N, C-alpha and C. Protein backbone atom coordinates (compact mmCIF):
# COMPACT_ATOMS: atom_id res chain seq x y z
N MET A 1 -3.01 35.14 -14.79
CA MET A 1 -2.29 34.78 -13.59
C MET A 1 -3.21 34.63 -12.38
N PRO A 2 -4.16 35.61 -12.19
CA PRO A 2 -5.07 35.43 -11.02
C PRO A 2 -5.89 34.18 -11.16
N THR A 3 -6.24 33.77 -12.34
CA THR A 3 -6.98 32.57 -12.52
C THR A 3 -6.26 31.38 -12.02
N ASP A 4 -4.95 31.33 -12.26
CA ASP A 4 -4.15 30.18 -11.80
C ASP A 4 -4.09 30.13 -10.29
N ALA A 5 -3.97 31.26 -9.65
CA ALA A 5 -3.99 31.31 -8.17
C ALA A 5 -5.29 30.82 -7.58
N PHE A 6 -6.38 31.26 -8.22
CA PHE A 6 -7.70 30.77 -7.75
C PHE A 6 -7.89 29.29 -8.01
N HIS A 7 -7.43 28.85 -9.13
CA HIS A 7 -7.55 27.46 -9.54
C HIS A 7 -6.69 26.56 -8.54
N ALA A 8 -5.51 27.06 -8.22
CA ALA A 8 -4.60 26.33 -7.31
C ALA A 8 -5.28 26.27 -5.90
N ARG A 9 -5.85 27.39 -5.51
CA ARG A 9 -6.52 27.46 -4.20
C ARG A 9 -7.72 26.49 -4.21
N GLU A 10 -8.46 26.49 -5.28
CA GLU A 10 -9.65 25.62 -5.39
C GLU A 10 -9.24 24.15 -5.27
N GLU A 11 -8.17 23.78 -5.98
CA GLU A 11 -7.64 22.43 -5.90
C GLU A 11 -7.21 22.08 -4.50
N SER A 12 -6.56 23.01 -3.86
CA SER A 12 -6.11 22.82 -2.48
C SER A 12 -7.28 22.56 -1.52
N PHE A 13 -8.34 23.36 -1.66
CA PHE A 13 -9.55 23.16 -0.82
C PHE A 13 -10.18 21.77 -1.15
N GLU A 14 -10.24 21.48 -2.43
CA GLU A 14 -10.80 20.22 -2.87
C GLU A 14 -9.97 19.04 -2.32
N GLU A 15 -8.69 19.09 -2.40
CA GLU A 15 -7.83 18.04 -1.88
C GLU A 15 -8.03 17.92 -0.35
N GLY A 16 -8.09 19.06 0.33
CA GLY A 16 -8.32 19.06 1.80
C GLY A 16 -9.64 18.42 2.12
N TYR A 17 -10.69 18.73 1.40
CA TYR A 17 -11.98 18.20 1.60
C TYR A 17 -11.98 16.66 1.51
N PHE A 18 -11.39 16.21 0.37
CA PHE A 18 -11.39 14.73 0.17
C PHE A 18 -10.44 14.01 1.14
N ARG A 19 -9.34 14.71 1.53
CA ARG A 19 -8.51 14.13 2.55
C ARG A 19 -9.28 13.94 3.88
N THR A 20 -10.05 14.94 4.27
CA THR A 20 -10.86 14.88 5.42
C THR A 20 -11.92 13.75 5.30
N LYS A 21 -12.59 13.68 4.17
CA LYS A 21 -13.60 12.68 3.91
C LYS A 21 -12.97 11.27 3.99
N ASP A 22 -11.77 11.13 3.37
CA ASP A 22 -11.08 9.81 3.41
C ASP A 22 -10.77 9.45 4.84
N ALA A 23 -10.27 10.39 5.59
CA ALA A 23 -9.92 10.14 7.00
C ALA A 23 -11.19 9.70 7.81
N GLU A 24 -12.33 10.38 7.60
CA GLU A 24 -13.57 10.06 8.26
C GLU A 24 -14.02 8.65 7.91
N LEU A 25 -13.90 8.28 6.60
CA LEU A 25 -14.26 6.93 6.18
C LEU A 25 -13.35 5.86 6.80
N VAL A 26 -12.07 6.15 6.85
CA VAL A 26 -11.11 5.23 7.47
C VAL A 26 -11.46 5.04 8.95
N ASP A 27 -11.77 6.15 9.67
CA ASP A 27 -12.11 6.04 11.07
C ASP A 27 -13.42 5.21 11.26
N LYS A 28 -14.38 5.47 10.34
CA LYS A 28 -15.64 4.73 10.42
C LYS A 28 -15.39 3.21 10.22
N LEU A 29 -14.60 2.90 9.23
CA LEU A 29 -14.27 1.49 8.97
C LEU A 29 -13.54 0.85 10.13
N LYS A 30 -12.64 1.59 10.77
CA LYS A 30 -11.96 1.07 11.91
C LYS A 30 -12.92 0.80 13.04
N LYS A 31 -13.90 1.68 13.30
CA LYS A 31 -14.90 1.51 14.30
C LYS A 31 -15.77 0.26 14.02
N VAL A 32 -16.14 0.11 12.81
CA VAL A 32 -16.96 -1.05 12.39
C VAL A 32 -16.18 -2.30 12.65
N PHE A 33 -14.91 -2.32 12.18
CA PHE A 33 -14.06 -3.50 12.38
C PHE A 33 -13.82 -3.78 13.80
N LYS A 34 -13.56 -2.77 14.63
CA LYS A 34 -13.35 -2.93 16.04
C LYS A 34 -14.62 -3.48 16.73
N SER A 35 -15.75 -2.94 16.30
CA SER A 35 -16.99 -3.42 16.85
C SER A 35 -17.24 -4.90 16.57
N LYS A 36 -16.91 -5.32 15.36
CA LYS A 36 -17.05 -6.72 14.93
C LYS A 36 -16.07 -7.59 15.74
N VAL A 37 -14.87 -7.13 15.94
CA VAL A 37 -13.91 -7.87 16.70
C VAL A 37 -14.39 -8.00 18.17
N ASP A 38 -14.93 -6.84 18.72
CA ASP A 38 -15.45 -6.89 20.07
C ASP A 38 -16.62 -7.87 20.20
N ARG A 39 -17.54 -7.83 19.23
CA ARG A 39 -18.65 -8.79 19.22
C ARG A 39 -18.14 -10.20 19.15
N ASP A 40 -17.15 -10.47 18.32
CA ASP A 40 -16.62 -11.83 18.17
C ASP A 40 -15.96 -12.30 19.45
N GLU A 41 -15.24 -11.36 20.10
CA GLU A 41 -14.62 -11.72 21.41
C GLU A 41 -15.67 -12.03 22.47
N LEU A 42 -16.68 -11.20 22.53
CA LEU A 42 -17.81 -11.44 23.47
C LEU A 42 -18.52 -12.70 23.19
N ARG A 43 -18.79 -12.99 21.94
CA ARG A 43 -19.42 -14.21 21.54
C ARG A 43 -18.62 -15.44 21.98
N ALA A 44 -17.30 -15.36 21.75
CA ALA A 44 -16.41 -16.45 22.19
C ALA A 44 -16.36 -16.60 23.68
N ALA A 45 -16.35 -15.47 24.40
CA ALA A 45 -16.19 -15.49 25.85
C ALA A 45 -17.52 -15.93 26.55
N THR A 46 -18.66 -15.58 25.98
CA THR A 46 -19.90 -15.77 26.66
C THR A 46 -20.79 -16.88 26.06
N GLY A 47 -20.61 -17.18 24.80
CA GLY A 47 -21.50 -18.10 24.12
C GLY A 47 -22.79 -17.46 23.63
N ILE A 48 -22.90 -16.12 23.80
CA ILE A 48 -24.07 -15.37 23.33
C ILE A 48 -23.97 -15.23 21.83
N THR A 49 -25.03 -15.54 21.14
CA THR A 49 -25.04 -15.43 19.64
C THR A 49 -25.94 -14.34 19.17
N ASN A 50 -26.81 -13.81 20.04
CA ASN A 50 -27.77 -12.81 19.60
C ASN A 50 -27.04 -11.49 19.27
N GLU A 51 -27.05 -11.07 18.04
CA GLU A 51 -26.28 -9.90 17.60
C GLU A 51 -26.73 -8.62 18.28
N GLU A 52 -28.06 -8.47 18.54
CA GLU A 52 -28.53 -7.31 19.21
C GLU A 52 -27.96 -7.21 20.61
N VAL A 53 -27.90 -8.34 21.35
CA VAL A 53 -27.34 -8.36 22.68
C VAL A 53 -25.87 -8.02 22.62
N LEU A 54 -25.15 -8.65 21.69
CA LEU A 54 -23.70 -8.36 21.55
C LEU A 54 -23.48 -6.88 21.23
N ASP A 55 -24.28 -6.31 20.32
CA ASP A 55 -24.12 -4.90 20.00
C ASP A 55 -24.38 -4.06 21.25
N ARG A 56 -25.40 -4.36 21.99
CA ARG A 56 -25.72 -3.62 23.23
C ARG A 56 -24.56 -3.69 24.21
N LEU A 57 -23.98 -4.87 24.38
CA LEU A 57 -22.85 -5.01 25.29
C LEU A 57 -21.66 -4.19 24.81
N VAL A 58 -21.39 -4.20 23.50
CA VAL A 58 -20.28 -3.42 22.95
C VAL A 58 -20.53 -1.94 23.17
N SER A 59 -21.81 -1.53 23.00
CA SER A 59 -22.16 -0.09 23.14
C SER A 59 -21.90 0.44 24.53
N VAL A 60 -21.95 -0.41 25.58
CA VAL A 60 -21.67 0.05 26.93
C VAL A 60 -20.27 -0.42 27.40
N SER A 61 -19.40 -0.69 26.39
CA SER A 61 -18.01 -0.98 26.62
C SER A 61 -17.74 -2.22 27.44
N VAL A 62 -18.53 -3.23 27.24
CA VAL A 62 -18.27 -4.52 27.91
C VAL A 62 -17.43 -5.36 26.99
N ARG A 63 -16.19 -5.51 27.35
CA ARG A 63 -15.26 -6.32 26.57
C ARG A 63 -14.17 -6.79 27.48
N GLY A 64 -13.61 -7.91 27.19
CA GLY A 64 -12.48 -8.46 27.94
C GLY A 64 -12.80 -8.54 29.43
N GLU A 65 -11.91 -7.88 30.20
CA GLU A 65 -12.00 -7.88 31.64
C GLU A 65 -13.33 -7.25 32.14
N MET A 66 -13.86 -6.36 31.29
CA MET A 66 -15.13 -5.69 31.63
C MET A 66 -16.32 -6.66 31.78
N LEU A 67 -16.25 -7.78 31.08
CA LEU A 67 -17.34 -8.70 31.14
C LEU A 67 -17.57 -9.24 32.60
N ALA A 68 -16.42 -9.45 33.25
CA ALA A 68 -16.50 -9.97 34.66
C ALA A 68 -17.19 -8.93 35.53
N VAL A 69 -16.90 -7.64 35.44
CA VAL A 69 -17.53 -6.63 36.25
C VAL A 69 -18.98 -6.37 35.80
N PHE A 70 -19.22 -6.55 34.52
CA PHE A 70 -20.62 -6.28 34.06
C PHE A 70 -21.59 -7.30 34.62
N LYS A 71 -21.08 -8.45 34.95
CA LYS A 71 -21.98 -9.52 35.50
C LYS A 71 -22.58 -9.02 36.82
N ILE A 72 -21.88 -8.16 37.56
CA ILE A 72 -22.40 -7.71 38.83
C ILE A 72 -22.97 -6.25 38.73
N TYR A 73 -23.25 -5.81 37.55
CA TYR A 73 -23.82 -4.45 37.40
C TYR A 73 -25.02 -4.21 38.30
N PRO A 74 -25.90 -5.21 38.48
CA PRO A 74 -27.06 -4.91 39.38
C PRO A 74 -26.66 -4.41 40.78
N LEU A 75 -25.44 -4.71 41.23
CA LEU A 75 -25.01 -4.25 42.55
C LEU A 75 -24.95 -2.72 42.58
N VAL A 76 -24.57 -2.12 41.44
CA VAL A 76 -24.57 -0.64 41.29
C VAL A 76 -25.99 -0.16 41.39
N GLU A 77 -26.95 -0.84 40.82
CA GLU A 77 -28.31 -0.42 40.89
C GLU A 77 -28.85 -0.49 42.34
N VAL A 78 -28.48 -1.52 43.08
CA VAL A 78 -28.86 -1.68 44.44
C VAL A 78 -28.23 -0.58 45.31
N ALA A 79 -26.91 -0.30 45.10
CA ALA A 79 -26.23 0.72 45.87
C ALA A 79 -26.95 2.09 45.65
N TRP A 80 -27.40 2.34 44.46
CA TRP A 80 -28.01 3.64 44.16
C TRP A 80 -29.54 3.66 44.32
N ALA A 81 -30.13 2.60 44.83
CA ALA A 81 -31.61 2.44 44.90
C ALA A 81 -32.25 3.62 45.60
N ASP A 82 -31.62 4.17 46.61
CA ASP A 82 -32.26 5.29 47.33
C ASP A 82 -31.89 6.67 46.79
N GLY A 83 -31.16 6.69 45.63
CA GLY A 83 -30.87 7.93 44.97
C GLY A 83 -29.45 8.47 45.31
N SER A 84 -28.77 7.82 46.22
CA SER A 84 -27.35 8.14 46.51
C SER A 84 -26.68 6.91 46.92
N VAL A 85 -25.34 6.97 47.04
CA VAL A 85 -24.56 5.84 47.43
C VAL A 85 -23.67 6.18 48.58
N SER A 86 -23.60 5.29 49.59
CA SER A 86 -22.83 5.46 50.76
C SER A 86 -21.42 4.83 50.60
N LYS A 87 -20.51 5.26 51.44
CA LYS A 87 -19.19 4.66 51.38
C LYS A 87 -19.24 3.18 51.71
N SER A 88 -20.11 2.78 52.64
CA SER A 88 -20.20 1.35 52.97
C SER A 88 -20.81 0.53 51.86
N GLU A 89 -21.68 1.09 51.07
CA GLU A 89 -22.25 0.41 49.88
C GLU A 89 -21.18 0.24 48.86
N ILE A 90 -20.39 1.30 48.60
CA ILE A 90 -19.28 1.22 47.63
C ILE A 90 -18.33 0.10 48.08
N GLU A 91 -17.98 0.12 49.31
CA GLU A 91 -17.04 -0.94 49.83
C GLU A 91 -17.63 -2.34 49.66
N ALA A 92 -18.95 -2.46 49.87
CA ALA A 92 -19.59 -3.77 49.70
C ALA A 92 -19.58 -4.23 48.24
N VAL A 93 -19.79 -3.30 47.30
CA VAL A 93 -19.78 -3.66 45.86
C VAL A 93 -18.35 -4.03 45.50
N LEU A 94 -17.36 -3.25 45.88
CA LEU A 94 -15.95 -3.52 45.54
C LEU A 94 -15.46 -4.82 46.17
N ALA A 95 -15.94 -5.12 47.38
CA ALA A 95 -15.58 -6.36 48.05
C ALA A 95 -16.14 -7.58 47.24
N ALA A 96 -17.37 -7.46 46.75
CA ALA A 96 -17.95 -8.50 45.93
C ALA A 96 -17.11 -8.71 44.66
N ALA A 97 -16.66 -7.66 44.04
CA ALA A 97 -15.91 -7.75 42.80
C ALA A 97 -14.58 -8.46 43.08
N VAL A 98 -13.93 -8.06 44.18
CA VAL A 98 -12.62 -8.70 44.48
C VAL A 98 -12.86 -10.19 44.86
N LYS A 99 -13.95 -10.46 45.55
CA LYS A 99 -14.26 -11.85 45.88
C LYS A 99 -14.48 -12.74 44.65
N LEU A 100 -14.98 -12.08 43.61
CA LEU A 100 -15.17 -12.79 42.33
C LEU A 100 -13.95 -12.85 41.46
N GLY A 101 -12.82 -12.38 42.04
CA GLY A 101 -11.52 -12.54 41.33
C GLY A 101 -11.02 -11.34 40.59
N MET A 102 -11.62 -10.21 40.69
CA MET A 102 -11.15 -9.03 39.96
C MET A 102 -10.04 -8.40 40.74
N PRO A 103 -8.97 -8.08 40.06
CA PRO A 103 -7.79 -7.47 40.76
C PRO A 103 -8.11 -6.11 41.27
N HIS A 104 -7.62 -5.78 42.46
CA HIS A 104 -7.86 -4.49 43.12
C HIS A 104 -7.55 -3.28 42.23
N ASP A 105 -6.49 -3.40 41.43
CA ASP A 105 -6.05 -2.25 40.62
C ASP A 105 -6.33 -2.42 39.15
N GLY A 106 -7.19 -3.33 38.81
CA GLY A 106 -7.49 -3.54 37.38
C GLY A 106 -8.44 -2.62 36.74
N HIS A 107 -8.52 -2.69 35.47
CA HIS A 107 -9.42 -1.80 34.67
C HIS A 107 -10.88 -2.01 35.03
N ALA A 108 -11.24 -3.30 35.34
CA ALA A 108 -12.67 -3.56 35.70
C ALA A 108 -13.07 -2.88 36.97
N ILE A 109 -12.17 -2.91 38.01
CA ILE A 109 -12.50 -2.26 39.24
C ILE A 109 -12.56 -0.72 39.04
N ALA A 110 -11.73 -0.19 38.19
CA ALA A 110 -11.81 1.27 37.86
C ALA A 110 -13.13 1.60 37.22
N ARG A 111 -13.59 0.73 36.32
CA ARG A 111 -14.86 0.97 35.69
C ARG A 111 -16.02 0.83 36.67
N LEU A 112 -15.93 -0.09 37.57
CA LEU A 112 -16.93 -0.30 38.57
C LEU A 112 -16.96 0.93 39.49
N LYS A 113 -15.82 1.48 39.89
CA LYS A 113 -15.79 2.69 40.67
C LYS A 113 -16.43 3.85 39.92
N ASP A 114 -16.20 3.94 38.64
CA ASP A 114 -16.81 4.97 37.83
C ASP A 114 -18.34 4.81 37.80
N TRP A 115 -18.84 3.59 37.66
CA TRP A 115 -20.30 3.39 37.70
C TRP A 115 -20.83 3.79 39.09
N LEU A 116 -20.11 3.42 40.12
CA LEU A 116 -20.56 3.75 41.46
C LEU A 116 -20.56 5.29 41.70
N HIS A 117 -19.64 5.94 41.09
CA HIS A 117 -19.57 7.38 41.21
C HIS A 117 -20.67 8.09 40.45
N ARG A 118 -20.89 7.64 39.23
CA ARG A 118 -21.93 8.27 38.33
C ARG A 118 -23.30 7.78 38.61
N GLY A 119 -23.45 6.61 39.04
CA GLY A 119 -24.76 6.00 39.20
C GLY A 119 -25.18 5.20 38.00
N PRO A 120 -26.22 4.39 38.15
CA PRO A 120 -26.72 3.53 37.06
C PRO A 120 -27.23 4.41 35.88
N ASN A 121 -27.22 3.76 34.70
CA ASN A 121 -27.79 4.48 33.53
C ASN A 121 -28.66 3.48 32.73
N ASP A 122 -29.55 4.06 32.01
CA ASP A 122 -30.53 3.28 31.20
C ASP A 122 -29.90 2.30 30.23
N ASP A 123 -28.86 2.75 29.56
CA ASP A 123 -28.21 1.90 28.54
C ASP A 123 -27.57 0.65 29.20
N ALA A 124 -26.87 0.85 30.29
CA ALA A 124 -26.24 -0.30 30.96
C ALA A 124 -27.32 -1.20 31.53
N ARG A 125 -28.39 -0.64 32.09
CA ARG A 125 -29.49 -1.40 32.67
C ARG A 125 -30.12 -2.27 31.59
N ALA A 126 -30.39 -1.70 30.40
CA ALA A 126 -31.02 -2.43 29.33
C ALA A 126 -30.07 -3.51 28.84
N ALA A 127 -28.80 -3.21 28.72
CA ALA A 127 -27.82 -4.20 28.27
C ALA A 127 -27.75 -5.37 29.25
N TRP A 128 -27.76 -5.07 30.52
CA TRP A 128 -27.69 -6.13 31.51
C TRP A 128 -28.96 -7.03 31.47
N ARG A 129 -30.10 -6.44 31.27
CA ARG A 129 -31.34 -7.21 31.18
C ARG A 129 -31.27 -8.18 29.98
N MET A 130 -30.78 -7.67 28.86
CA MET A 130 -30.59 -8.52 27.68
C MET A 130 -29.59 -9.64 27.96
N TYR A 131 -28.52 -9.27 28.60
CA TYR A 131 -27.47 -10.20 28.97
C TYR A 131 -28.10 -11.31 29.88
N ALA A 132 -28.87 -10.94 30.85
CA ALA A 132 -29.52 -11.91 31.76
C ALA A 132 -30.35 -12.88 30.92
N GLY A 133 -31.12 -12.35 29.94
CA GLY A 133 -31.94 -13.19 29.07
C GLY A 133 -31.10 -14.19 28.32
N GLU A 134 -29.93 -13.77 27.83
CA GLU A 134 -29.09 -14.71 27.20
C GLU A 134 -28.47 -15.74 28.12
N LEU A 135 -28.16 -15.31 29.35
CA LEU A 135 -27.58 -16.27 30.30
C LEU A 135 -28.61 -17.43 30.56
N ARG A 136 -29.90 -17.05 30.59
CA ARG A 136 -30.95 -18.08 30.82
C ARG A 136 -30.88 -19.12 29.70
N LYS A 137 -30.46 -18.68 28.48
CA LYS A 137 -30.42 -19.62 27.34
C LYS A 137 -29.19 -20.46 27.33
N ILE A 138 -28.06 -19.91 27.78
CA ILE A 138 -26.81 -20.62 27.57
C ILE A 138 -26.28 -21.32 28.80
N LEU A 139 -26.70 -20.95 29.98
CA LEU A 139 -26.25 -21.65 31.22
C LEU A 139 -27.13 -22.83 31.53
N SER A 140 -26.55 -23.83 32.13
CA SER A 140 -27.36 -24.94 32.58
C SER A 140 -28.22 -24.46 33.73
N PRO A 141 -29.28 -25.14 34.10
CA PRO A 141 -30.07 -24.74 35.24
C PRO A 141 -29.27 -24.61 36.51
N ALA A 142 -28.36 -25.49 36.71
CA ALA A 142 -27.54 -25.46 37.95
C ALA A 142 -26.62 -24.25 37.93
N GLU A 143 -25.97 -23.96 36.73
CA GLU A 143 -25.09 -22.79 36.64
C GLU A 143 -25.87 -21.51 36.84
N LEU A 144 -27.05 -21.41 36.23
CA LEU A 144 -27.87 -20.22 36.35
C LEU A 144 -28.27 -20.02 37.80
N LYS A 145 -28.68 -21.08 38.45
CA LYS A 145 -29.08 -21.01 39.85
C LYS A 145 -27.93 -20.52 40.74
N GLU A 146 -26.71 -21.04 40.52
CA GLU A 146 -25.55 -20.63 41.24
C GLU A 146 -25.24 -19.14 41.03
N PHE A 147 -25.25 -18.74 39.79
CA PHE A 147 -25.01 -17.34 39.44
C PHE A 147 -26.05 -16.42 40.12
N ARG A 148 -27.30 -16.78 40.01
CA ARG A 148 -28.41 -16.01 40.59
C ARG A 148 -28.25 -15.92 42.11
N GLU A 149 -27.99 -17.04 42.73
CA GLU A 149 -27.86 -17.03 44.20
C GLU A 149 -26.68 -16.19 44.67
N ASP A 150 -25.56 -16.31 43.95
CA ASP A 150 -24.38 -15.48 44.33
C ASP A 150 -24.68 -13.99 44.13
N LEU A 151 -25.27 -13.63 43.04
CA LEU A 151 -25.57 -12.25 42.79
C LEU A 151 -26.57 -11.65 43.81
N VAL A 152 -27.55 -12.46 44.12
CA VAL A 152 -28.57 -12.02 45.15
C VAL A 152 -27.94 -11.91 46.50
N LYS A 153 -27.01 -12.84 46.82
CA LYS A 153 -26.31 -12.74 48.12
C LYS A 153 -25.51 -11.45 48.24
N PHE A 154 -24.79 -11.17 47.12
CA PHE A 154 -24.00 -9.94 47.11
C PHE A 154 -24.92 -8.69 47.13
N ALA A 155 -25.99 -8.77 46.41
CA ALA A 155 -26.94 -7.64 46.40
C ALA A 155 -27.52 -7.36 47.81
N ASN A 156 -27.81 -8.41 48.54
CA ASN A 156 -28.28 -8.24 49.88
C ASN A 156 -27.26 -7.63 50.80
N LYS A 157 -25.95 -8.04 50.62
CA LYS A 157 -24.88 -7.42 51.37
C LYS A 157 -24.80 -5.96 51.08
N VAL A 158 -24.92 -5.56 49.79
CA VAL A 158 -24.84 -4.16 49.43
C VAL A 158 -26.03 -3.42 50.05
N ALA A 159 -27.20 -4.03 49.97
CA ALA A 159 -28.41 -3.38 50.47
C ALA A 159 -28.35 -3.13 51.96
N THR A 160 -27.77 -4.05 52.70
CA THR A 160 -27.69 -3.88 54.17
C THR A 160 -26.41 -3.17 54.65
N ALA A 161 -25.55 -2.84 53.70
CA ALA A 161 -24.26 -2.23 54.10
C ALA A 161 -24.36 -0.89 54.80
N SER A 162 -25.36 -0.11 54.43
CA SER A 162 -25.48 1.22 55.02
C SER A 162 -26.19 1.19 56.37
N GLY A 163 -26.41 0.01 56.86
CA GLY A 163 -27.04 -0.15 58.21
C GLY A 163 -28.49 0.00 58.14
N GLY A 164 -29.14 -0.17 59.24
CA GLY A 164 -30.54 -0.03 59.32
C GLY A 164 -30.88 1.10 60.33
N LEU A 165 -31.69 0.83 61.16
CA LEU A 165 -32.11 1.80 62.22
C LEU A 165 -30.88 2.07 63.14
N PHE A 166 -30.45 3.33 63.06
CA PHE A 166 -29.26 3.77 63.87
C PHE A 166 -28.02 2.94 63.62
N GLY A 167 -27.90 2.42 62.41
CA GLY A 167 -26.71 1.60 62.07
C GLY A 167 -26.81 0.18 62.61
N MET A 168 -27.92 -0.14 63.23
CA MET A 168 -28.12 -1.50 63.76
C MET A 168 -29.31 -2.10 63.00
N PHE A 169 -29.42 -3.43 63.15
CA PHE A 169 -30.54 -4.13 62.54
C PHE A 169 -30.67 -3.82 61.05
N PRO A 170 -29.53 -4.13 60.31
CA PRO A 170 -29.59 -3.84 58.89
C PRO A 170 -30.78 -4.43 58.16
N GLN A 171 -31.38 -3.64 57.28
CA GLN A 171 -32.52 -4.11 56.56
C GLN A 171 -32.42 -3.63 55.15
N VAL A 172 -33.14 -4.27 54.26
CA VAL A 172 -33.27 -3.96 52.83
C VAL A 172 -34.50 -3.09 52.66
N ASN A 173 -34.27 -1.89 52.01
CA ASN A 173 -35.46 -1.08 51.79
C ASN A 173 -36.24 -1.55 50.61
N VAL A 174 -37.38 -0.94 50.42
CA VAL A 174 -38.34 -1.39 49.39
C VAL A 174 -37.71 -1.25 47.97
N ARG A 175 -37.02 -0.15 47.68
CA ARG A 175 -36.45 0.04 46.35
C ARG A 175 -35.35 -0.98 46.11
N GLU A 176 -34.53 -1.20 47.11
CA GLU A 176 -33.47 -2.18 46.98
C GLU A 176 -34.04 -3.60 46.74
N GLN A 177 -35.08 -3.91 47.50
CA GLN A 177 -35.72 -5.24 47.36
C GLN A 177 -36.36 -5.40 45.95
N ARG A 178 -36.93 -4.34 45.45
CA ARG A 178 -37.52 -4.39 44.08
C ARG A 178 -36.41 -4.73 43.08
N ILE A 179 -35.23 -4.19 43.14
CA ILE A 179 -34.14 -4.48 42.26
C ILE A 179 -33.68 -5.90 42.44
N ILE A 180 -33.54 -6.36 43.68
CA ILE A 180 -33.18 -7.75 43.94
C ILE A 180 -34.21 -8.67 43.38
N ASP A 181 -35.47 -8.39 43.57
CA ASP A 181 -36.54 -9.27 42.98
C ASP A 181 -36.46 -9.29 41.50
N THR A 182 -36.18 -8.18 40.85
CA THR A 182 -36.06 -8.10 39.41
C THR A 182 -34.89 -8.96 38.92
N VAL A 183 -33.76 -8.87 39.61
CA VAL A 183 -32.61 -9.71 39.28
C VAL A 183 -32.95 -11.16 39.37
N THR A 184 -33.63 -11.53 40.47
CA THR A 184 -34.04 -12.93 40.70
C THR A 184 -34.91 -13.37 39.58
N ARG A 185 -35.90 -12.55 39.19
CA ARG A 185 -36.85 -12.90 38.13
C ARG A 185 -36.12 -13.03 36.78
N LEU A 186 -35.24 -12.06 36.50
CA LEU A 186 -34.51 -12.07 35.19
C LEU A 186 -33.58 -13.29 35.04
N LEU A 187 -33.15 -13.81 36.16
CA LEU A 187 -32.22 -14.96 36.13
C LEU A 187 -32.90 -16.30 36.52
N SER A 188 -34.20 -16.33 36.43
CA SER A 188 -34.94 -17.56 36.78
C SER A 188 -35.48 -18.21 35.54
């Protein structure tokens, strides 16, 4: 009799183990499938075919509405160039997003606010650089120029938003200018 109880318990543990393993495999397959769907959606929306770039964009949660806000990610970098972000810089970044057609209460603006709150990160920076490289390949020279000029114009507004000397004579500091120059170079 004791053998049967131990055997039953052993089978129960074994079934539980395999049930857990099956659930983990199903979750993993769902993630792989979702990642493929996300890449396919990004490929269709952007024209980008480079799998590494698509994977990088998916890894930083750029999908759907987020693609629109990701285009202006460098504005977050400019806002944080001096190591902190001011209320006026946040307002300038959000104004740029709204001007580009993002709804005030949409998911993209919420994500942008999160980036502004947390600050830039290396993964998003690397993904944006790869994205810029792909834009150079898929946009016409005129489209690329227009995108670059718009982004630089917004970046300058963010850079000068916190004022200059005593809130007057707004100026772009060296770190902000370095980011703006990098954006210009990456989109040229």
